[in-house]
Protein backbone atom coordinates (compact mmCIF):
# COMPACT_ATOMS: atom_id res chain seq x y z
CA MET A 1 10.99 22.89 1.96
CA GLN A 2 8.44 24.89 4.05
CA THR A 3 8.87 28.65 4.07
CA THR A 4 7.59 28.51 7.70
CA TYR A 5 10.79 26.69 8.66
CA LEU A 6 12.87 29.22 6.80
CA GLY A 7 11.09 31.89 8.91
CA TYR A 8 11.96 29.99 12.04
CA PHE A 9 15.58 29.88 10.89
CA VAL A 10 15.57 33.67 10.42
CA ASP A 11 14.01 34.10 13.87
CA ILE A 12 16.66 31.95 15.53
CA VAL A 13 19.37 34.06 13.89
CA GLU A 14 17.79 37.32 14.94
CA GLN A 15 16.69 36.27 18.45
CA GLY A 16 19.97 34.54 19.19
CA THR A 17 18.52 31.44 20.86
CA ILE A 18 16.06 28.62 19.95
CA SER A 19 13.97 29.28 23.04
CA ALA A 20 13.64 33.08 22.23
CA ALA A 21 12.60 32.17 18.65
CA ALA A 22 10.10 29.61 20.05
CA ASN A 23 8.60 32.22 22.32
CA LYS A 24 8.22 34.68 19.41
CA ASN A 25 6.34 32.04 17.39
CA PHE A 26 4.31 30.70 20.30
CA ILE A 27 5.61 27.12 19.98
CA SER A 28 7.60 24.96 22.37
CA THR A 29 11.39 25.00 22.36
CA GLN A 30 11.21 21.28 21.37
CA GLY A 31 9.00 22.19 18.48
CA MET A 32 11.40 24.84 17.25
CA SER A 33 14.30 22.40 17.55
CA ARG A 34 12.40 19.75 15.51
CA ALA A 35 11.59 22.37 12.79
CA LEU A 36 15.26 23.29 12.63
CA SER A 37 16.27 19.63 12.42
CA VAL A 38 13.72 19.08 9.54
CA LEU A 39 15.16 22.12 7.67
CA GLU A 40 18.76 20.96 8.13
CA ALA A 41 17.84 17.39 7.00
CA GLY A 42 16.19 18.76 3.91
CA LEU A 43 19.17 20.90 3.03
CA GLY A 44 21.72 18.25 4.02
CA CYS A 45 23.81 20.55 6.17
CA GLN A 46 24.15 21.91 9.72
CA LEU A 47 23.12 25.54 10.01
CA PHE A 48 24.30 26.32 13.58
CA LYS A 49 27.10 25.32 15.88
CA ARG A 50 27.33 25.88 19.61
CA HIS A 51 30.17 27.89 21.09
CA GLN A 52 30.31 28.84 24.73
CA ASN A 53 26.51 28.38 25.17
CA LYS A 54 25.88 30.52 22.08
CA LEU A 55 24.48 29.58 18.66
CA LEU A 56 26.71 30.59 15.82
CA LEU A 57 26.03 30.29 12.13
CA THR A 58 28.03 27.72 10.26
CA ALA A 59 29.32 28.55 6.77
CA TYR A 60 26.17 26.88 5.41
CA GLY A 61 24.01 28.97 7.68
CA GLU A 62 25.74 32.20 6.66
CA ALA A 63 25.33 31.32 3.03
CA LEU A 64 21.58 30.55 3.58
CA TYR A 65 20.59 33.40 5.87
CA HIS A 66 20.31 36.26 3.31
CA ASP A 67 18.42 34.02 0.80
CA ALA A 68 16.10 32.83 3.57
CA LEU A 69 15.48 36.48 4.55
CA ARG A 70 14.62 37.35 1.03
CA ILE A 71 12.26 34.35 0.64
CA VAL A 72 10.42 35.21 3.88
CA SER A 73 10.24 38.86 2.72
CA VAL A 74 8.89 37.85 -0.66
CA GLU A 75 6.25 35.64 1.00
CA GLN A 76 5.13 38.55 3.19
CA HIS A 77 5.04 40.83 0.10
CA MET A 78 2.78 38.29 -1.62
CA VAL A 79 0.44 38.17 1.37
CA ASP A 80 0.40 41.97 1.60
CA ALA A 81 -0.36 42.24 -2.09
CA ILE A 82 -3.30 39.95 -1.83
CA ALA A 83 -4.57 41.86 1.20
CA ALA A 84 -4.28 45.09 -0.82
CA ILE A 85 -6.30 43.66 -3.68
CA ARG A 86 -8.96 42.48 -1.27
CA GLN A 87 -9.09 45.95 0.36
CA LYS A 88 -9.49 47.54 -3.07
CA GLU A 89 -12.33 45.11 -3.91
CA ASP A 90 -13.98 45.95 -0.59
CA ARG A 91 -14.21 49.57 -1.64
CA ALA A 92 -17.59 48.62 -3.14
CA VAL A 93 -18.99 50.26 0.05
CA ASP A 94 -18.77 53.51 -1.92
CA LYS A 95 -21.36 52.23 -4.34
CA THR A 96 -25.08 52.70 -4.17
CA ALA A 97 -27.17 49.65 -3.25
CA LEU A 98 -30.58 49.21 -4.80
CA LEU A 99 -32.60 46.59 -2.88
CA TYR A 100 -35.90 45.43 -4.31
CA LEU A 101 -37.61 43.42 -1.57
CA ASN A 102 -40.84 41.40 -1.56
CA ASN A 103 -43.14 43.28 0.83
CA VAL A 104 -44.19 40.10 2.71
CA ALA A 105 -40.69 39.25 3.78
CA PHE A 106 -39.83 42.85 4.48
CA ASP A 107 -42.92 43.38 6.67
CA ALA A 108 -42.07 40.25 8.56
CA ALA A 109 -38.81 41.90 9.59
CA LEU A 110 -36.62 39.42 7.64
CA PHE A 111 -34.08 42.12 7.06
CA ALA A 112 -34.53 44.02 10.32
CA PRO A 113 -31.54 42.29 12.06
CA ILE A 114 -29.16 43.56 9.39
CA THR A 115 -30.51 46.92 8.34
CA ASP A 116 -27.53 48.52 10.12
CA SER A 117 -25.32 46.22 7.96
CA PHE A 118 -26.55 47.88 4.77
CA GLU A 119 -25.78 51.23 6.21
CA HIS A 120 -22.31 50.01 7.14
CA LEU A 121 -21.54 48.30 3.85
CA PHE A 122 -22.94 50.90 1.46
CA SER A 123 -22.66 54.64 1.43
CA ASP A 124 -26.12 54.88 -0.09
CA ALA A 125 -28.71 52.08 0.39
CA ARG A 126 -32.19 52.43 -1.05
CA TYR A 127 -35.03 50.08 -0.34
CA PHE A 128 -38.13 49.35 -2.60
CA GLN A 129 -40.96 47.14 -1.51
CA CYS A 130 -43.08 45.36 -4.07
CA ASP A 131 -44.53 42.00 -5.05
CA ASN A 132 -42.46 39.34 -6.82
CA LYS A 133 -43.40 40.57 -10.29
CA GLY A 134 -42.48 44.14 -9.25
CA VAL A 135 -39.10 42.91 -8.00
CA ALA A 136 -38.42 41.10 -11.25
CA ASP A 137 -39.58 43.99 -13.44
CA ALA A 138 -37.50 46.47 -11.47
CA LEU A 139 -34.38 44.35 -11.81
CA VAL A 140 -34.76 43.62 -15.56
CA SER A 141 -35.62 47.28 -16.40
CA ASN A 142 -33.00 48.83 -14.12
CA LYS A 143 -31.04 51.50 -15.93
CA GLU A 144 -29.02 52.79 -12.97
CA ASP A 145 -25.28 53.54 -13.19
CA ASP A 146 -23.17 50.41 -13.55
CA ASN A 147 -21.55 51.25 -10.18
CA ALA A 148 -24.87 50.49 -8.43
CA VAL A 149 -25.18 47.18 -6.68
CA VAL A 150 -28.67 45.82 -7.47
CA LEU A 151 -30.17 42.99 -5.40
CA GLY A 152 -33.70 41.56 -5.22
CA LEU A 153 -35.49 39.40 -2.65
CA LEU A 154 -38.35 37.09 -3.75
CA CYS A 155 -40.86 35.32 -1.53
CA LEU A 156 -42.25 32.36 -3.51
CA PHE A 157 -45.41 30.64 -2.23
CA SER A 158 -45.99 26.91 -2.88
CA PRO A 159 -49.58 27.33 -4.26
CA ASP A 160 -47.95 29.50 -6.98
CA ASP A 161 -45.42 26.93 -8.21
CA ALA A 162 -46.16 27.47 -11.93
CA ALA A 163 -45.91 31.23 -11.69
CA ASN A 164 -42.76 30.92 -9.56
CA THR A 165 -41.04 28.75 -12.19
CA SER A 166 -41.99 31.15 -14.98
CA LEU A 167 -40.76 34.18 -12.92
CA VAL A 168 -37.31 32.61 -12.16
CA GLU A 169 -36.90 31.55 -15.76
CA HIS A 170 -37.73 35.05 -16.96
CA LEU A 171 -34.98 36.44 -14.63
CA ARG A 172 -32.45 33.90 -15.85
CA GLU A 173 -33.20 34.77 -19.47
CA ASN A 174 -32.27 38.35 -18.59
CA GLY A 175 -28.94 37.47 -17.00
CA PHE A 176 -29.94 37.18 -13.33
CA GLU A 177 -29.33 34.31 -10.94
CA TYR A 178 -31.81 33.16 -8.38
CA GLN A 179 -30.31 31.76 -5.07
CA PRO A 180 -32.83 30.26 -2.62
CA TYR A 181 -32.07 31.34 0.96
CA LEU A 182 -34.58 29.92 3.41
CA THR A 183 -37.88 28.03 3.58
CA SER A 184 -40.70 28.60 6.02
CA TYR A 185 -44.44 28.49 6.05
CA ASP A 186 -47.34 30.85 6.81
CA GLN A 187 -49.22 30.88 10.10
CA VAL A 188 -52.54 32.46 10.99
CA LEU A 189 -52.33 35.43 13.33
CA VAL A 190 -55.41 35.71 15.59
CA SER A 191 -56.43 37.72 18.61
CA ARG A 192 -55.88 36.09 21.98
CA GLN A 193 -59.53 37.01 22.65
CA SER A 194 -60.64 34.90 19.73
CA ALA A 195 -62.13 31.47 20.08
CA LEU A 196 -59.58 30.33 17.47
CA ALA A 197 -56.73 31.15 19.90
CA GLY A 198 -57.26 27.99 21.88
CA LYS A 199 -56.88 25.63 18.89
CA HIS A 200 -53.66 23.69 18.19
CA ALA A 201 -54.09 24.09 14.37
CA LEU A 202 -56.70 25.73 12.21
CA SER A 203 -58.61 23.97 9.50
CA HIS A 204 -59.72 25.44 6.19
CA ALA A 205 -63.19 25.99 7.69
CA ASP A 206 -61.72 27.71 10.78
CA ILE A 207 -59.88 30.21 8.64
CA LYS A 208 -62.91 30.95 6.41
CA SER A 209 -65.03 31.50 9.54
CA ARG A 210 -63.28 34.82 10.22
CA PRO A 211 -62.73 37.90 7.99
CA ILE A 212 -59.24 37.95 6.52
CA VAL A 213 -57.24 41.15 6.26
CA SER A 214 -54.37 40.80 3.87
CA SER A 215 -51.43 42.71 2.48
CA ASP A 216 -51.60 43.23 -1.26
CA GLY A 217 -49.59 41.35 -3.93
CA ASP A 218 -48.47 37.77 -3.69
CA ILE A 219 -50.03 36.84 -0.36
CA ARG A 220 -53.44 38.31 -1.44
CA ARG A 221 -53.35 36.14 -4.59
CA VAL A 222 -52.50 33.04 -2.56
CA ALA A 223 -55.26 33.79 0.02
CA GLU A 224 -57.80 34.26 -2.78
CA LEU A 225 -56.70 31.05 -4.46
CA LEU A 226 -57.01 29.02 -1.29
CA PHE A 227 -59.90 30.57 0.58
CA GLY A 228 -61.85 32.41 -2.10
CA LYS A 229 -62.09 36.17 -2.88
CA ASP A 230 -65.14 36.48 -0.59
CA SER A 231 -63.03 35.57 2.42
CA ILE A 232 -60.85 38.71 1.97
CA TYR A 233 -62.41 41.38 4.10
CA MET A 234 -59.81 44.05 3.53
CA VAL A 235 -56.50 44.54 1.69
CA THR A 236 -54.06 47.06 3.07
CA ALA A 237 -50.40 47.94 2.78
CA ASP A 238 -50.36 49.23 6.29
CA SER A 239 -49.07 46.35 8.35
CA SER A 240 -49.54 48.08 11.71
CA PHE A 241 -53.20 48.72 10.87
CA ARG A 242 -53.58 45.07 9.81
CA PHE A 243 -52.16 43.77 13.05
CA HIS A 244 -54.30 46.28 15.04
CA MET A 245 -57.40 44.80 13.46
CA VAL A 246 -56.27 41.38 14.58
CA GLU A 247 -55.62 42.50 18.11
CA ARG A 248 -59.22 43.83 18.37
CA ASP A 249 -60.47 40.42 16.99
CA GLU A 250 -61.97 42.16 13.96
CA ALA A 251 -60.12 39.86 11.47
CA ILE A 252 -57.31 37.34 11.06
CA THR A 253 -54.20 37.56 8.85
CA PHE A 254 -51.29 35.57 7.67
CA VAL A 255 -47.65 35.90 8.77
CA PRO A 256 -44.47 33.91 7.95
CA ALA A 257 -43.63 31.50 10.82
CA PHE A 258 -40.11 33.02 11.11
CA ARG A 259 -41.67 36.35 12.17
CA GLN A 260 -42.12 35.20 15.77
CA LEU A 261 -38.37 34.50 16.00
CA ILE A 262 -37.66 38.16 15.42
CA THR A 263 -40.78 40.06 16.66
CA PRO A 264 -41.41 40.04 20.39
CA ASP A 265 -44.70 38.59 21.56
CA ASP A 266 -47.09 41.52 22.16
CA GLY A 267 -49.39 39.48 24.37
CA LYS A 268 -52.41 40.46 22.26
CA THR A 269 -52.07 38.05 19.29
CA VAL A 270 -51.00 34.44 18.78
CA ALA A 271 -49.72 32.69 15.60
CA ILE A 272 -51.35 29.35 15.01
CA ASN A 273 -50.37 26.62 12.46
CA MET A 274 -52.69 25.56 9.70
CA LYS A 275 -53.80 21.92 9.39
CA ASN A 276 -52.99 22.11 5.68
CA PRO A 277 -50.15 24.70 5.50
CA TYR A 278 -48.66 26.24 2.45
CA TYR A 279 -44.97 27.00 2.29
CA LEU A 280 -42.79 29.79 1.17
CA GLU A 281 -39.20 30.14 -0.07
CA VAL A 282 -37.23 33.33 0.32
CA GLY A 283 -34.47 33.80 -2.19
CA PHE A 284 -32.15 36.46 -3.61
CA VAL A 285 -31.79 37.54 -7.23
CA ALA A 286 -28.73 39.40 -8.68
CA LYS A 287 -26.27 39.33 -11.53
CA ARG A 288 -23.38 36.90 -11.12
CA GLU A 289 -20.81 39.73 -10.72
CA VAL A 290 -22.86 41.15 -7.83
CA LEU A 291 -23.11 37.78 -6.08
CA ASP A 292 -19.33 37.38 -6.44
CA SER A 293 -18.52 40.81 -5.00
CA PRO A 294 -16.91 40.86 -1.54
CA VAL A 295 -19.38 43.38 -0.18
CA ILE A 296 -22.37 41.18 -1.03
CA GLN A 297 -20.63 38.15 0.41
CA LYS A 298 -20.24 40.11 3.57
CA LEU A 299 -23.92 40.83 3.49
CA PHE A 300 -24.77 37.18 3.20
CA ALA A 301 -22.26 36.29 5.94
CA ARG A 302 -24.04 38.61 8.29
CA LEU A 303 -27.42 37.17 7.31
CA ASN A 304 -26.16 33.65 7.81
CA ALA A 305 -24.72 34.48 11.25
CA CYS A 306 -28.09 35.87 12.24
CA TYR A 307 -30.36 33.09 10.90
CA MET A 308 -28.08 30.08 11.44
CA LYS A 309 -28.92 30.22 15.15
CA TYR A 310 -32.58 29.77 14.24
CA SER A 311 -32.13 26.88 11.83
CA HIS A 312 -32.71 24.30 14.56
CA THR A 313 -36.26 25.74 15.17
CA PRO A 314 -39.27 24.44 13.31
CA TYR A 315 -39.95 27.90 11.90
CA LEU A 316 -37.37 28.14 9.15
CA SER A 317 -34.61 26.18 7.41
CA LEU A 318 -31.69 27.62 5.60
CA VAL A 319 -31.33 26.22 2.06
CA ASP A 320 -28.05 24.68 1.03
CA SER A 321 -27.00 27.19 -1.64
CA ALA A 322 -24.13 29.38 -2.77
CA VAL A 323 -25.26 32.27 -0.54
CA THR A 324 -25.81 30.29 2.62
CA ALA A 325 -22.20 28.98 2.47
CA PHE A 326 -20.64 32.27 3.38
CA ALA A 327 -19.33 32.57 6.93
CA LEU A 328 -18.39 35.67 8.88
CA SER A 329 -14.97 36.92 7.81
CA CYS A 330 -12.45 37.84 10.44
CA ASP A 331 -13.31 41.54 10.44
CA GLU A 332 -16.98 40.79 10.75
CA SER A 333 -16.53 38.26 13.55
CA LEU A 334 -15.68 40.98 16.07
CA MET A 335 -18.78 42.96 15.12
CA ALA A 336 -20.96 39.87 15.61
CA LYS A 337 -19.72 39.57 19.20
CA GLY A 338 -21.05 43.00 20.04
CA ASN A 339 -19.97 45.88 22.16
CA ASN A 340 -18.60 43.74 25.00
CA VAL A 341 -15.74 42.58 22.94
CA GLU A 342 -15.16 46.13 21.72
CA ALA A 343 -15.00 47.31 25.35
CA PHE A 344 -12.64 44.41 26.14
CA CYS A 345 -10.26 45.44 23.34
CA SER A 346 -10.51 49.09 24.36
CA ARG A 347 -9.69 48.35 27.99
CA TYR A 348 -6.35 46.80 26.98
CA GLY A 349 -5.52 49.22 24.21
CA LEU A 350 -5.64 46.73 21.32
CA SER A 351 -5.17 47.97 17.79
CA SER A 352 -7.87 47.26 15.16
CA ARG A 353 -5.79 44.39 13.78
CA GLU A 354 -5.20 42.95 17.25
CA ALA A 355 -8.92 43.20 17.76
CA GLU A 356 -9.45 40.99 14.68
CA VAL A 357 -6.98 38.52 15.95
CA LEU A 358 -8.55 38.51 19.36
CA ALA A 359 -12.00 37.72 17.93
CA LEU A 360 -10.56 34.64 16.21
CA LEU A 361 -8.56 33.59 19.30
CA LEU A 362 -11.83 33.70 21.27
CA GLU A 363 -13.33 31.30 18.63
CA GLY A 364 -10.54 28.86 19.59
CA LEU A 365 -8.47 29.31 16.40
CA THR A 366 -4.72 29.08 16.43
CA SER A 367 -2.03 31.01 14.55
CA HIS A 368 -2.15 29.07 11.27
CA PRO A 369 -5.86 29.33 10.55
CA ILE A 370 -5.75 32.89 11.79
CA ALA A 371 -3.10 33.72 9.33
CA GLU A 372 -5.20 32.20 6.51
CA LEU A 373 -8.28 34.13 7.49
CA LEU A 374 -6.37 37.48 7.85
CA HIS A 375 -4.28 36.79 4.70
CA VAL A 376 -1.01 37.38 6.54
CA SER A 377 1.96 35.16 7.21
CA VAL A 378 1.97 32.83 10.20
CA SER A 379 4.79 34.75 11.80
CA THR A 380 2.81 38.02 11.47
CA ALA A 381 -0.23 36.38 13.09
CA LYS A 382 1.94 35.04 15.84
CA SER A 383 3.43 38.47 16.40
CA HIS A 384 -0.02 39.96 16.89
CA ILE A 385 -0.94 37.09 19.28
CA TYR A 386 2.28 37.79 21.27
CA SER A 387 1.40 41.53 21.46
CA ILE A 388 -2.11 40.74 22.72
CA TYR A 389 -0.78 38.42 25.44
CA LYS A 390 1.86 41.00 26.45
CA LYS A 391 -0.73 43.78 26.78
CA MET A 392 -3.02 41.57 28.80
CA GLY A 393 -0.25 40.00 30.94
CA LEU A 394 -1.26 36.51 29.77
CA HIS A 395 0.63 33.46 28.54
CA THR A 396 -1.89 31.07 26.96
CA GLN A 397 -5.08 31.10 24.84
CA GLY A 398 -6.97 29.42 27.73
CA GLU A 399 -6.10 32.32 30.01
CA LEU A 400 -7.30 34.75 27.36
CA ILE A 401 -10.61 32.97 26.86
CA ALA A 402 -11.18 32.79 30.64
CA LEU A 403 -10.38 36.48 31.11
CA ALA A 404 -12.76 37.41 28.20
CA GLU A 405 -15.61 35.32 29.63
CA GLU A 406 -15.11 36.87 33.03
CA PHE A 407 -15.08 40.39 31.59
CA MET A 408 -18.17 39.83 29.44
CA SER A 409 -20.26 37.84 32.00
């Protein structure tokens, strides 16, 4: 016996007619009648009888009604209890976040699209830039309060495979897990004034023909390994100064390919592929309890929403791992749609919960999956949908989507 059908039975009793109960649950009258028939067949009795165009409870229906009401109430209580627990878990936003980030990925603006997310998710977010070894050392030696959420980001270069393996193993021995996130490769950033700018790809000799200005740490070690120490003209932690030297055609430098997806073209430099490229893998390091926390899963969901749209490009590929599996939750979905949706909701006076339901309706979801995502009963989800339609003067999801597209165009 489905509790959904018991809920329909309760609605028919309270609404007085099958059609009114069907309207409340956003299904057809025929669908409501079929549900009632299935419930009656399962119970082996008739629940209603018609009298002067009215539906009256039979003796069976009267005996069932109060039990059905209790069952529906208990189901809603269970859903509310789960929602309360999730809300309590989400209070991790009051914690401090310590984020140790590889300076290469940070300088390339990997985290720029979601910097505001850290400020939203944590009351206190602190960033530390260092090389891979520095990230690992900071994580292992961290003595902060247990309430702090500690996360690291590594940028592993393919010429350093042996060192990478040793580093990850060291972290695992100290109770941390490494989760790969995306793969990319480095390009050579040159001035548009340079003779190299007209080439499709740069050879080893092309790269060595120009002074190299490099950031310190892992990329410096890789550059020295591949092109020799004498090729490194300058090492600086000041990225803006490094790029300024490239603009003036005084040097070349290396940047991750995914940088151009995020950083607007300045018209003064151009990123060119290498004939023999080396690759990099960006990944996250944390304790298992951190990776399992709802607030970190929200963080990864936001990252995934941002970078999934770039995964069809040749510049980066998301790795199939535990952290790239997270999708935007219902409350984050609205935020991902931006201010237009917020204005749309405000125009029609939607509540915060109705705004969450609206965001999912605009994704094409119906009442049952919406109920699952919001952790509410189907009848509650349908009630919100009905309220949205009523406030907007609409009758169907198609009308809602069309109105939203017109408003936001």
